[in-house]
Amino acid sequence: MSPAPTPDSEFREGLPFVGGALWIDFLNTTPRMDSGEIVDVIADGAGYGRWLRLAGLQQQENGLDKAAEDARRLRAVLREAFEDLAVDKKAKAAGWLPAVNARLDNLSLHHRLERAGAGLRLLEVPGSAHPDPADLVALDFARFACEAEPGRLKHCANPACTLVFHDSGKNRTRRWCSMSVCGNRDKVARFRAKRAT
C-alpha cells in the first residue's frame, strides 16, 4: 500500500500537482496521458471531488456535477489569464477580470490572530464554514496575479505535455513540469540519440 499523498508531492494518486500554485494545479486538470490522450480530470463530479480532496480543499457534499461544470468554466477563464500574464503582467486585455471578480464576490473573509512560534500572525480566513472551492481557487489566482512576474509562468518544454507551472527558481531556468517525468524523458531521448550516432 502506498503512503498517503503529501501536499507537496508532485503527483498525488497519479494527478499532477507541479504548478507551484493552487490555481495553476487547477489548470493542469487536463493532462496528456502517456497514450497521448488528453484527459479532463474534472469532467464530472466524481473527478472534481477527487481533485478537491487531493488539493486539500474541502469537498462539497451535494451537487458535485454542477460544481464541476462551474469549475470547468473557471478553468477556461484562468487558462486565458495564465496566457495573458505569461506575456504581460499588466494583462491589458484582461477579458477574464469580470469572471474572476464574480468569483471573488462570493467570498467573505475574516481575520484571525494566531500564535506563530514566539510571535503572532494575522490570518485571513473564509467567512463561510464551507466556501465554494472554485472561489478559493479564484482567490489564489487573484493573490498570485498581483505579484506575478512575466516570464515565470511557463509551459512545459516537452511539446507533448499540456502542463504549465510557475518558475519560482532564482535563475528562472526551469523547463519541465516535472524533472522526474518530462525532464527525464528528454534526458533519455538525448542519450539514445547520442548512442545511435
N, C-alpha and C. Protein backbone atom coordinates (compact mmCIF):
# COMPACT_ATOMS: atom_id res chain seq x y z
N MET A 1 0.84 -1.18 0.00
CA MET A 1 0.00 0.00 0.00
C MET A 1 0.88 1.24 0.00
N SER A 2 0.59 2.19 -0.87
CA SER A 2 1.41 3.39 -0.95
C SER A 2 0.98 4.39 0.12
N PRO A 3 1.93 5.24 0.55
CA PRO A 3 1.60 6.22 1.58
C PRO A 3 0.63 7.27 1.03
N ALA A 4 -0.07 7.92 1.94
CA ALA A 4 -1.00 8.99 1.55
C ALA A 4 -0.22 10.12 0.90
N PRO A 5 -0.79 10.77 -0.11
CA PRO A 5 -0.08 11.86 -0.77
C PRO A 5 0.13 13.02 0.19
N THR A 6 1.28 13.62 0.10
CA THR A 6 1.55 14.81 0.91
C THR A 6 1.27 16.04 0.08
N PRO A 7 0.93 17.16 0.73
CA PRO A 7 0.56 18.36 -0.01
C PRO A 7 1.63 18.86 -0.97
N ASP A 8 2.89 18.49 -0.75
CA ASP A 8 3.94 18.98 -1.64
C ASP A 8 4.38 17.94 -2.66
N SER A 9 3.68 16.81 -2.75
CA SER A 9 4.01 15.78 -3.74
C SER A 9 3.77 16.30 -5.14
N GLU A 10 4.66 15.97 -6.08
CA GLU A 10 4.46 16.36 -7.47
C GLU A 10 3.26 15.66 -8.07
N PHE A 11 3.05 14.43 -7.70
CA PHE A 11 1.93 13.66 -8.22
C PHE A 11 1.21 13.02 -7.04
N ARG A 12 -0.10 13.15 -7.05
CA ARG A 12 -0.93 12.58 -5.99
C ARG A 12 -1.95 11.68 -6.65
N GLU A 13 -1.86 10.41 -6.34
CA GLU A 13 -2.72 9.40 -6.98
C GLU A 13 -2.69 9.54 -8.50
N GLY A 14 -1.52 9.83 -9.03
CA GLY A 14 -1.33 9.93 -10.48
C GLY A 14 -1.69 11.26 -11.09
N LEU A 15 -2.24 12.19 -10.31
CA LEU A 15 -2.60 13.50 -10.85
C LEU A 15 -1.48 14.51 -10.59
N PRO A 16 -1.23 15.39 -11.56
CA PRO A 16 -0.12 16.33 -11.41
C PRO A 16 -0.45 17.50 -10.48
N PHE A 17 0.48 17.79 -9.59
CA PHE A 17 0.43 18.98 -8.74
C PHE A 17 1.82 19.61 -8.81
N VAL A 18 2.16 20.07 -10.01
CA VAL A 18 3.51 20.55 -10.31
C VAL A 18 3.54 22.05 -10.59
N GLY A 19 2.41 22.72 -10.51
CA GLY A 19 2.29 24.11 -10.95
C GLY A 19 2.94 25.13 -10.06
N GLY A 20 3.09 24.83 -8.78
CA GLY A 20 3.68 25.79 -7.87
C GLY A 20 2.66 26.72 -7.23
N ALA A 21 1.40 26.60 -7.60
CA ALA A 21 0.31 27.39 -7.01
C ALA A 21 -0.98 26.61 -7.23
N LEU A 22 -1.90 26.74 -6.30
CA LEU A 22 -3.16 26.01 -6.39
C LEU A 22 -3.87 26.26 -7.71
N TRP A 23 -3.96 27.53 -8.12
CA TRP A 23 -4.70 27.83 -9.34
C TRP A 23 -4.02 27.25 -10.57
N ILE A 24 -2.70 27.14 -10.56
CA ILE A 24 -2.00 26.55 -11.71
C ILE A 24 -2.20 25.03 -11.71
N ASP A 25 -2.19 24.43 -10.53
CA ASP A 25 -2.51 23.00 -10.45
C ASP A 25 -3.92 22.75 -10.97
N PHE A 26 -4.82 23.68 -10.72
CA PHE A 26 -6.20 23.59 -11.22
C PHE A 26 -6.20 23.62 -12.75
N LEU A 27 -5.35 24.45 -13.36
CA LEU A 27 -5.24 24.47 -14.82
C LEU A 27 -4.75 23.13 -15.35
N ASN A 28 -3.92 22.47 -14.58
CA ASN A 28 -3.32 21.21 -15.00
C ASN A 28 -4.25 20.01 -14.85
N THR A 29 -5.55 20.27 -14.79
CA THR A 29 -6.52 19.18 -14.69
C THR A 29 -6.91 18.63 -16.06
N THR A 30 -6.15 19.00 -17.09
CA THR A 30 -6.32 18.40 -18.42
C THR A 30 -4.97 17.89 -18.91
N PRO A 31 -4.39 16.92 -18.20
CA PRO A 31 -3.07 16.42 -18.61
C PRO A 31 -3.16 15.48 -19.81
N ARG A 32 -2.05 15.43 -20.57
CA ARG A 32 -1.93 14.45 -21.65
C ARG A 32 -1.32 13.19 -21.04
N MET A 33 -1.99 12.09 -21.25
CA MET A 33 -1.53 10.82 -20.70
C MET A 33 -0.44 10.23 -21.59
N ASP A 34 0.24 9.19 -21.11
CA ASP A 34 1.29 8.55 -21.89
C ASP A 34 0.77 8.05 -23.23
N SER A 35 -0.50 7.72 -23.29
CA SER A 35 -1.10 7.24 -24.54
C SER A 35 -1.28 8.36 -25.56
N GLY A 36 -1.10 9.61 -25.11
CA GLY A 36 -1.30 10.76 -25.99
C GLY A 36 -2.67 11.40 -25.83
N GLU A 37 -3.55 10.71 -25.13
CA GLU A 37 -4.92 11.21 -24.92
C GLU A 37 -4.92 12.29 -23.84
N ILE A 38 -5.64 13.39 -24.09
CA ILE A 38 -5.82 14.43 -23.08
C ILE A 38 -7.06 14.06 -22.27
N VAL A 39 -6.88 14.02 -20.96
CA VAL A 39 -7.95 13.62 -20.05
C VAL A 39 -8.39 14.82 -19.22
N ASP A 40 -9.70 15.00 -19.11
CA ASP A 40 -10.23 16.05 -18.25
C ASP A 40 -10.53 15.44 -16.88
N VAL A 41 -9.66 15.74 -15.94
CA VAL A 41 -9.76 15.18 -14.60
C VAL A 41 -11.05 15.59 -13.90
N ILE A 42 -11.56 16.79 -14.23
CA ILE A 42 -12.77 17.28 -13.56
C ILE A 42 -13.97 17.25 -14.51
N ALA A 43 -14.00 16.26 -15.38
CA ALA A 43 -15.09 16.13 -16.36
C ALA A 43 -16.44 15.84 -15.70
N ASP A 44 -16.40 15.31 -14.49
CA ASP A 44 -17.65 15.01 -13.78
C ASP A 44 -17.46 15.26 -12.29
N GLY A 45 -18.53 15.12 -11.56
CA GLY A 45 -18.49 15.40 -10.13
C GLY A 45 -17.54 14.51 -9.36
N ALA A 46 -17.47 13.24 -9.72
CA ALA A 46 -16.57 12.32 -9.02
C ALA A 46 -15.11 12.74 -9.21
N GLY A 47 -14.76 13.07 -10.44
CA GLY A 47 -13.39 13.51 -10.72
C GLY A 47 -13.06 14.82 -10.03
N TYR A 48 -14.02 15.73 -10.03
CA TYR A 48 -13.81 17.02 -9.37
C TYR A 48 -13.65 16.82 -7.86
N GLY A 49 -14.48 15.97 -7.28
CA GLY A 49 -14.37 15.67 -5.86
C GLY A 49 -13.02 15.07 -5.51
N ARG A 50 -12.54 14.19 -6.37
CA ARG A 50 -11.22 13.59 -6.15
C ARG A 50 -10.13 14.65 -6.20
N TRP A 51 -10.18 15.53 -7.22
CA TRP A 51 -9.16 16.57 -7.33
C TRP A 51 -9.21 17.49 -6.11
N LEU A 52 -10.40 17.86 -5.67
CA LEU A 52 -10.52 18.72 -4.48
C LEU A 52 -9.87 18.07 -3.27
N ARG A 53 -10.13 16.79 -3.08
CA ARG A 53 -9.55 16.07 -1.95
C ARG A 53 -8.03 16.07 -2.03
N LEU A 54 -7.50 15.78 -3.21
CA LEU A 54 -6.04 15.73 -3.38
C LEU A 54 -5.40 17.10 -3.26
N ALA A 55 -6.15 18.14 -3.61
CA ALA A 55 -5.64 19.52 -3.49
C ALA A 55 -5.76 20.04 -2.06
N GLY A 56 -6.42 19.27 -1.20
CA GLY A 56 -6.56 19.69 0.18
C GLY A 56 -7.70 20.66 0.40
N LEU A 57 -8.64 20.71 -0.53
CA LEU A 57 -9.79 21.60 -0.40
C LEU A 57 -10.99 20.81 0.11
N GLN A 58 -11.79 21.45 0.91
CA GLN A 58 -12.97 20.78 1.46
C GLN A 58 -13.96 20.50 0.34
N GLN A 59 -14.40 19.27 0.27
CA GLN A 59 -15.34 18.87 -0.76
C GLN A 59 -16.76 19.25 -0.37
N GLN A 60 -17.54 19.53 -1.38
CA GLN A 60 -18.95 19.78 -1.17
C GLN A 60 -19.65 18.43 -1.04
N GLU A 61 -20.71 18.42 -0.30
CA GLU A 61 -21.45 17.17 -0.11
C GLU A 61 -22.33 16.84 -1.31
N ASN A 62 -23.04 17.83 -1.82
CA ASN A 62 -24.01 17.61 -2.88
C ASN A 62 -23.69 18.47 -4.09
N GLY A 63 -24.25 18.08 -5.22
CA GLY A 63 -24.14 18.91 -6.41
C GLY A 63 -22.77 18.98 -7.03
N LEU A 64 -21.99 17.92 -6.91
CA LEU A 64 -20.63 17.95 -7.47
C LEU A 64 -20.62 18.01 -8.99
N ASP A 65 -21.62 17.43 -9.66
CA ASP A 65 -21.64 17.51 -11.13
C ASP A 65 -21.81 18.96 -11.58
N LYS A 66 -22.71 19.69 -10.94
CA LYS A 66 -22.92 21.12 -11.26
C LYS A 66 -21.68 21.92 -10.89
N ALA A 67 -21.09 21.61 -9.73
CA ALA A 67 -19.88 22.30 -9.29
C ALA A 67 -18.74 22.05 -10.27
N ALA A 68 -18.65 20.82 -10.80
CA ALA A 68 -17.60 20.50 -11.78
C ALA A 68 -17.80 21.31 -13.05
N GLU A 69 -19.05 21.47 -13.46
CA GLU A 69 -19.35 22.28 -14.65
C GLU A 69 -18.91 23.73 -14.44
N ASP A 70 -19.23 24.29 -13.28
CA ASP A 70 -18.80 25.66 -12.95
C ASP A 70 -17.27 25.74 -12.90
N ALA A 71 -16.65 24.72 -12.34
CA ALA A 71 -15.19 24.69 -12.22
C ALA A 71 -14.53 24.67 -13.60
N ARG A 72 -15.11 23.94 -14.53
CA ARG A 72 -14.54 23.89 -15.89
C ARG A 72 -14.62 25.27 -16.55
N ARG A 73 -15.70 26.00 -16.29
CA ARG A 73 -15.79 27.37 -16.83
C ARG A 73 -14.71 28.26 -16.21
N LEU A 74 -14.51 28.13 -14.90
CA LEU A 74 -13.46 28.90 -14.24
C LEU A 74 -12.09 28.53 -14.80
N ARG A 75 -11.88 27.25 -15.04
CA ARG A 75 -10.59 26.80 -15.58
C ARG A 75 -10.31 27.46 -16.93
N ALA A 76 -11.33 27.56 -17.79
CA ALA A 76 -11.15 28.22 -19.09
C ALA A 76 -10.78 29.69 -18.92
N VAL A 77 -11.41 30.35 -17.97
CA VAL A 77 -11.11 31.76 -17.68
C VAL A 77 -9.67 31.89 -17.18
N LEU A 78 -9.28 31.03 -16.25
CA LEU A 78 -7.93 31.12 -15.69
C LEU A 78 -6.87 30.71 -16.70
N ARG A 79 -7.22 29.85 -17.64
CA ARG A 79 -6.27 29.49 -18.71
C ARG A 79 -5.96 30.73 -19.54
N GLU A 80 -7.00 31.49 -19.88
CA GLU A 80 -6.82 32.74 -20.62
C GLU A 80 -5.97 33.72 -19.80
N ALA A 81 -6.23 33.81 -18.52
CA ALA A 81 -5.46 34.69 -17.64
C ALA A 81 -4.00 34.26 -17.59
N PHE A 82 -3.76 32.95 -17.51
CA PHE A 82 -2.38 32.43 -17.49
C PHE A 82 -1.64 32.90 -18.73
N GLU A 83 -2.27 32.72 -19.89
CA GLU A 83 -1.62 33.09 -21.15
C GLU A 83 -1.35 34.60 -21.19
N ASP A 84 -2.29 35.41 -20.72
CA ASP A 84 -2.08 36.86 -20.67
C ASP A 84 -0.93 37.22 -19.75
N LEU A 85 -0.94 36.69 -18.53
CA LEU A 85 0.07 37.04 -17.54
C LEU A 85 1.44 36.48 -17.89
N ALA A 86 1.49 35.40 -18.63
CA ALA A 86 2.78 34.84 -19.04
C ALA A 86 3.52 35.81 -19.95
N VAL A 87 2.76 36.64 -20.66
CA VAL A 87 3.34 37.59 -21.60
C VAL A 87 3.49 38.97 -20.98
N ASP A 88 2.49 39.41 -20.21
CA ASP A 88 2.46 40.79 -19.73
C ASP A 88 1.77 40.86 -18.38
N LYS A 89 2.49 41.30 -17.36
CA LYS A 89 1.91 41.37 -16.02
C LYS A 89 0.68 42.26 -15.98
N LYS A 90 0.68 43.30 -16.77
CA LYS A 90 -0.45 44.23 -16.75
C LYS A 90 -1.69 43.60 -17.36
N ALA A 91 -1.49 42.58 -18.16
CA ALA A 91 -2.61 41.86 -18.78
C ALA A 91 -3.64 42.83 -19.32
N LYS A 92 -3.20 43.63 -20.26
CA LYS A 92 -4.04 44.72 -20.79
C LYS A 92 -5.39 44.25 -21.30
N ALA A 93 -5.44 43.09 -21.93
CA ALA A 93 -6.72 42.61 -22.46
C ALA A 93 -7.66 42.28 -21.31
N ALA A 94 -7.22 41.47 -20.40
CA ALA A 94 -7.92 41.11 -19.17
C ALA A 94 -9.42 40.92 -19.32
N GLY A 95 -9.84 40.26 -20.40
CA GLY A 95 -11.25 39.94 -20.57
C GLY A 95 -11.74 38.99 -19.49
N TRP A 96 -10.83 38.38 -18.78
CA TRP A 96 -11.14 37.42 -17.73
C TRP A 96 -11.43 38.09 -16.39
N LEU A 97 -11.11 39.36 -16.27
CA LEU A 97 -11.25 40.07 -15.00
C LEU A 97 -12.67 40.01 -14.41
N PRO A 98 -13.73 40.29 -15.18
CA PRO A 98 -15.08 40.23 -14.60
C PRO A 98 -15.45 38.85 -14.06
N ALA A 99 -15.04 37.79 -14.74
CA ALA A 99 -15.37 36.44 -14.27
C ALA A 99 -14.64 36.12 -12.96
N VAL A 100 -13.39 36.55 -12.85
CA VAL A 100 -12.65 36.33 -11.60
C VAL A 100 -13.29 37.14 -10.48
N ASN A 101 -13.62 38.40 -10.76
CA ASN A 101 -14.24 39.24 -9.74
C ASN A 101 -15.59 38.70 -9.29
N ALA A 102 -16.34 38.10 -10.20
CA ALA A 102 -17.62 37.50 -9.82
C ALA A 102 -17.39 36.37 -8.81
N ARG A 103 -16.33 35.60 -9.01
CA ARG A 103 -15.99 34.53 -8.06
C ARG A 103 -15.57 35.12 -6.72
N LEU A 104 -14.77 36.19 -6.76
CA LEU A 104 -14.30 36.81 -5.53
C LEU A 104 -15.46 37.43 -4.74
N ASP A 105 -16.47 37.90 -5.46
CA ASP A 105 -17.66 38.47 -4.80
C ASP A 105 -18.37 37.44 -3.93
N ASN A 106 -18.18 36.17 -4.23
CA ASN A 106 -18.83 35.10 -3.46
C ASN A 106 -18.19 34.87 -2.09
N LEU A 107 -16.98 35.39 -1.92
CA LEU A 107 -16.23 35.11 -0.69
C LEU A 107 -16.39 36.22 0.34
N SER A 108 -16.55 35.82 1.56
CA SER A 108 -16.43 36.78 2.66
C SER A 108 -15.23 36.31 3.48
N LEU A 109 -14.40 37.25 3.86
CA LEU A 109 -13.18 36.90 4.58
C LEU A 109 -13.19 37.54 5.96
N HIS A 110 -12.63 36.82 6.90
CA HIS A 110 -12.46 37.32 8.26
C HIS A 110 -10.99 37.23 8.61
N HIS A 111 -10.60 37.95 9.61
CA HIS A 111 -9.22 37.91 10.06
C HIS A 111 -9.16 37.26 11.44
N ARG A 112 -8.09 36.51 11.66
CA ARG A 112 -7.92 35.80 12.92
C ARG A 112 -6.45 35.94 13.33
N LEU A 113 -6.25 36.27 14.60
CA LEU A 113 -4.91 36.39 15.16
C LEU A 113 -4.55 35.06 15.80
N GLU A 114 -3.38 34.51 15.42
CA GLU A 114 -2.95 33.22 15.96
C GLU A 114 -1.49 33.29 16.39
N ARG A 115 -1.15 32.41 17.30
CA ARG A 115 0.26 32.30 17.71
C ARG A 115 1.06 31.69 16.57
N ALA A 116 2.26 32.18 16.39
CA ALA A 116 3.17 31.65 15.38
C ALA A 116 4.57 31.65 15.96
N GLY A 117 5.01 30.50 16.42
CA GLY A 117 6.31 30.43 17.06
C GLY A 117 6.31 31.29 18.32
N ALA A 118 7.26 32.23 18.39
CA ALA A 118 7.36 33.11 19.55
C ALA A 118 6.50 34.36 19.39
N GLY A 119 5.89 34.52 18.22
CA GLY A 119 5.11 35.73 17.97
C GLY A 119 3.68 35.45 17.58
N LEU A 120 3.13 36.36 16.83
CA LEU A 120 1.75 36.26 16.35
C LEU A 120 1.72 36.47 14.85
N ARG A 121 0.65 36.00 14.23
CA ARG A 121 0.44 36.27 12.81
C ARG A 121 -1.05 36.50 12.59
N LEU A 122 -1.33 37.32 11.60
CA LEU A 122 -2.71 37.63 11.25
C LEU A 122 -3.09 36.79 10.05
N LEU A 123 -4.13 35.99 10.20
CA LEU A 123 -4.59 35.13 9.12
C LEU A 123 -5.88 35.67 8.53
N GLU A 124 -6.01 35.49 7.24
CA GLU A 124 -7.25 35.81 6.54
C GLU A 124 -7.94 34.47 6.28
N VAL A 125 -9.14 34.30 6.79
CA VAL A 125 -9.84 33.02 6.64
C VAL A 125 -11.22 33.25 6.03
N PRO A 126 -11.71 32.29 5.25
CA PRO A 126 -13.05 32.44 4.67
C PRO A 126 -14.10 32.60 5.77
N GLY A 127 -15.04 33.50 5.54
CA GLY A 127 -16.11 33.74 6.50
C GLY A 127 -17.10 32.60 6.56
N SER A 128 -17.29 31.92 5.46
CA SER A 128 -18.21 30.80 5.42
C SER A 128 -17.49 29.54 5.86
N ALA A 129 -18.19 28.69 6.58
CA ALA A 129 -17.59 27.43 7.01
C ALA A 129 -17.31 26.52 5.83
N HIS A 130 -18.05 26.71 4.73
CA HIS A 130 -17.89 25.85 3.55
C HIS A 130 -17.87 26.71 2.29
N PRO A 131 -16.79 27.47 2.07
CA PRO A 131 -16.73 28.26 0.83
C PRO A 131 -16.64 27.35 -0.38
N ASP A 132 -17.11 27.83 -1.51
CA ASP A 132 -17.02 27.08 -2.75
C ASP A 132 -15.53 26.94 -3.10
N PRO A 133 -15.04 25.72 -3.27
CA PRO A 133 -13.62 25.53 -3.59
C PRO A 133 -13.17 26.30 -4.83
N ALA A 134 -14.04 26.42 -5.83
CA ALA A 134 -13.67 27.17 -7.04
C ALA A 134 -13.44 28.64 -6.71
N ASP A 135 -14.18 29.18 -5.74
CA ASP A 135 -13.95 30.56 -5.31
C ASP A 135 -12.59 30.69 -4.65
N LEU A 136 -12.18 29.67 -3.91
CA LEU A 136 -10.85 29.69 -3.27
C LEU A 136 -9.74 29.60 -4.32
N VAL A 137 -9.99 28.86 -5.39
CA VAL A 137 -9.03 28.81 -6.50
C VAL A 137 -8.91 30.20 -7.13
N ALA A 138 -10.04 30.87 -7.33
CA ALA A 138 -10.03 32.22 -7.89
C ALA A 138 -9.29 33.18 -6.97
N LEU A 139 -9.47 33.04 -5.66
CA LEU A 139 -8.76 33.88 -4.70
C LEU A 139 -7.25 33.63 -4.77
N ASP A 140 -6.86 32.37 -4.89
CA ASP A 140 -5.44 32.04 -5.03
C ASP A 140 -4.87 32.70 -6.29
N PHE A 141 -5.64 32.65 -7.38
CA PHE A 141 -5.20 33.30 -8.61
C PHE A 141 -5.07 34.80 -8.40
N ALA A 142 -6.06 35.44 -7.79
CA ALA A 142 -6.06 36.89 -7.61
C ALA A 142 -4.83 37.34 -6.82
N ARG A 143 -4.53 36.62 -5.76
CA ARG A 143 -3.33 36.97 -4.97
C ARG A 143 -2.07 36.80 -5.81
N PHE A 144 -2.02 35.73 -6.56
CA PHE A 144 -0.87 35.45 -7.41
C PHE A 144 -0.71 36.53 -8.48
N ALA A 145 -1.82 36.90 -9.13
CA ALA A 145 -1.78 37.84 -10.25
C ALA A 145 -1.24 39.20 -9.83
N CYS A 146 -1.45 39.57 -8.59
CA CYS A 146 -0.96 40.87 -8.11
C CYS A 146 0.55 40.89 -7.97
N GLU A 147 1.16 39.72 -7.88
CA GLU A 147 2.60 39.64 -7.67
C GLU A 147 3.35 38.94 -8.79
N ALA A 148 2.65 38.48 -9.79
CA ALA A 148 3.27 37.67 -10.85
C ALA A 148 4.32 38.45 -11.63
N GLU A 149 5.32 37.74 -12.08
CA GLU A 149 6.34 38.31 -12.94
C GLU A 149 6.24 37.65 -14.31
N PRO A 150 6.15 38.46 -15.37
CA PRO A 150 6.15 37.87 -16.71
C PRO A 150 7.41 37.02 -16.89
N GLY A 151 7.30 35.97 -17.61
CA GLY A 151 8.44 35.10 -17.83
C GLY A 151 8.56 33.99 -16.81
N ARG A 152 7.82 34.06 -15.72
CA ARG A 152 7.87 33.00 -14.72
C ARG A 152 6.71 32.01 -14.87
N LEU A 153 5.72 32.37 -15.65
CA LEU A 153 4.63 31.45 -15.97
C LEU A 153 5.01 30.76 -17.26
N LYS A 154 5.14 29.45 -17.22
CA LYS A 154 5.69 28.72 -18.37
C LYS A 154 4.90 27.47 -18.70
N HIS A 155 5.05 27.07 -19.96
CA HIS A 155 4.57 25.78 -20.44
C HIS A 155 5.74 24.81 -20.35
N CYS A 156 5.45 23.56 -20.06
CA CYS A 156 6.49 22.54 -20.05
C CYS A 156 7.18 22.51 -21.41
N ALA A 157 8.50 22.34 -21.41
CA ALA A 157 9.28 22.33 -22.65
C ALA A 157 9.04 21.08 -23.49
N ASN A 158 8.41 20.07 -22.93
CA ASN A 158 8.06 18.88 -23.69
C ASN A 158 6.86 19.23 -24.57
N PRO A 159 7.01 19.24 -25.90
CA PRO A 159 5.90 19.64 -26.76
C PRO A 159 4.67 18.74 -26.65
N ALA A 160 4.83 17.53 -26.15
CA ALA A 160 3.69 16.63 -25.99
C ALA A 160 2.97 16.84 -24.65
N CYS A 161 3.52 17.67 -23.78
CA CYS A 161 2.96 17.87 -22.45
C CYS A 161 2.05 19.09 -22.44
N THR A 162 0.95 19.00 -21.71
CA THR A 162 -0.02 20.11 -21.62
C THR A 162 0.12 20.90 -20.33
N LEU A 163 1.04 20.52 -19.46
CA LEU A 163 1.11 21.13 -18.13
C LEU A 163 1.83 22.47 -18.15
N VAL A 164 1.43 23.32 -17.20
CA VAL A 164 2.02 24.65 -17.03
C VAL A 164 2.50 24.78 -15.59
N PHE A 165 3.35 25.77 -15.33
CA PHE A 165 3.88 25.93 -13.98
C PHE A 165 4.40 27.35 -13.77
N HIS A 166 4.65 27.65 -12.51
CA HIS A 166 5.28 28.91 -12.11
C HIS A 166 6.72 28.59 -11.78
N ASP A 167 7.65 29.22 -12.48
CA ASP A 167 9.08 29.01 -12.25
C ASP A 167 9.50 29.92 -11.10
N SER A 168 9.61 29.37 -9.92
CA SER A 168 9.96 30.17 -8.75
C SER A 168 11.45 30.16 -8.47
N GLY A 169 12.22 29.50 -9.34
CA GLY A 169 13.66 29.42 -9.15
C GLY A 169 14.35 30.76 -9.33
N LYS A 170 15.44 30.93 -8.62
CA LYS A 170 16.19 32.18 -8.67
C LYS A 170 16.66 32.51 -10.09
N ASN A 171 17.09 31.50 -10.83
CA ASN A 171 17.65 31.73 -12.16
C ASN A 171 16.63 31.68 -13.30
N ARG A 172 15.39 31.35 -12.99
CA ARG A 172 14.33 31.26 -14.00
C ARG A 172 14.67 30.28 -15.11
N THR A 173 15.26 29.17 -14.76
CA THR A 173 15.70 28.22 -15.79
C THR A 173 14.88 26.93 -15.83
N ARG A 174 13.85 26.85 -15.02
CA ARG A 174 13.03 25.63 -15.03
C ARG A 174 12.39 25.47 -16.40
N ARG A 175 12.49 24.26 -16.95
CA ARG A 175 11.95 23.99 -18.28
C ARG A 175 10.84 22.96 -18.26
N TRP A 176 10.83 22.12 -17.25
CA TRP A 176 9.95 20.97 -17.26
C TRP A 176 8.88 21.08 -16.19
N CYS A 177 7.71 20.52 -16.48
CA CYS A 177 6.67 20.45 -15.46
C CYS A 177 7.20 19.65 -14.27
N SER A 178 7.90 18.58 -14.58
CA SER A 178 8.50 17.73 -13.57
C SER A 178 9.79 17.15 -14.13
N MET A 179 10.86 17.35 -13.41
CA MET A 179 12.14 16.79 -13.85
C MET A 179 12.08 15.27 -13.86
N SER A 180 11.29 14.69 -12.97
CA SER A 180 11.22 13.23 -12.89
C SER A 180 10.39 12.62 -14.02
N VAL A 181 9.60 13.42 -14.72
CA VAL A 181 8.79 12.88 -15.82
C VAL A 181 9.31 13.44 -17.14
N CYS A 182 8.93 14.64 -17.49
CA CYS A 182 9.31 15.20 -18.79
C CYS A 182 10.81 15.46 -18.90
N GLY A 183 11.42 15.93 -17.83
CA GLY A 183 12.86 16.16 -17.86
C GLY A 183 13.62 14.87 -18.07
N ASN A 184 13.20 13.82 -17.41
CA ASN A 184 13.84 12.52 -17.56
C ASN A 184 13.63 11.96 -18.96
N ARG A 185 12.43 12.14 -19.51
CA ARG A 185 12.17 11.67 -20.87
C ARG A 185 13.10 12.35 -21.86
N ASP A 186 13.32 13.63 -21.67
CA ASP A 186 14.22 14.37 -22.55
C ASP A 186 15.65 13.84 -22.43
N LYS A 187 16.10 13.60 -21.21
CA LYS A 187 17.45 13.06 -20.99
C LYS A 187 17.61 11.72 -21.68
N VAL A 188 16.62 10.85 -21.52
CA VAL A 188 16.68 9.52 -22.13
C VAL A 188 16.70 9.64 -23.65
N ALA A 189 15.86 10.51 -24.21
CA ALA A 189 15.81 10.69 -25.67
C ALA A 189 17.15 11.21 -26.19
N ARG A 190 17.75 12.17 -25.50
CA ARG A 190 19.05 12.69 -25.93
C ARG A 190 20.14 11.63 -25.82
N PHE A 191 20.09 10.83 -24.75
CA PHE A 191 21.07 9.76 -24.58
C PHE A 191 20.95 8.74 -25.70
N ARG A 192 19.72 8.34 -26.02
CA ARG A 192 19.51 7.36 -27.09
C ARG A 192 19.95 7.92 -28.44
N ALA A 193 19.65 9.17 -28.69
CA ALA A 193 20.05 9.80 -29.96
C ALA A 193 21.57 9.85 -30.06
N LYS A 194 22.23 10.13 -28.97
CA LYS A 194 23.69 10.21 -28.95
C LYS A 194 24.30 8.82 -29.20
N ARG A 195 23.71 7.79 -28.59
CA ARG A 195 24.20 6.42 -28.77
C ARG A 195 23.98 5.93 -30.19
N ALA A 196 22.91 6.40 -30.82
CA ALA A 196 22.57 5.94 -32.17
C ALA A 196 23.52 6.50 -33.22
N THR A 197 24.22 7.58 -32.91
CA THR A 197 25.12 8.18 -33.90
C THR A 197 26.52 7.65 -33.81
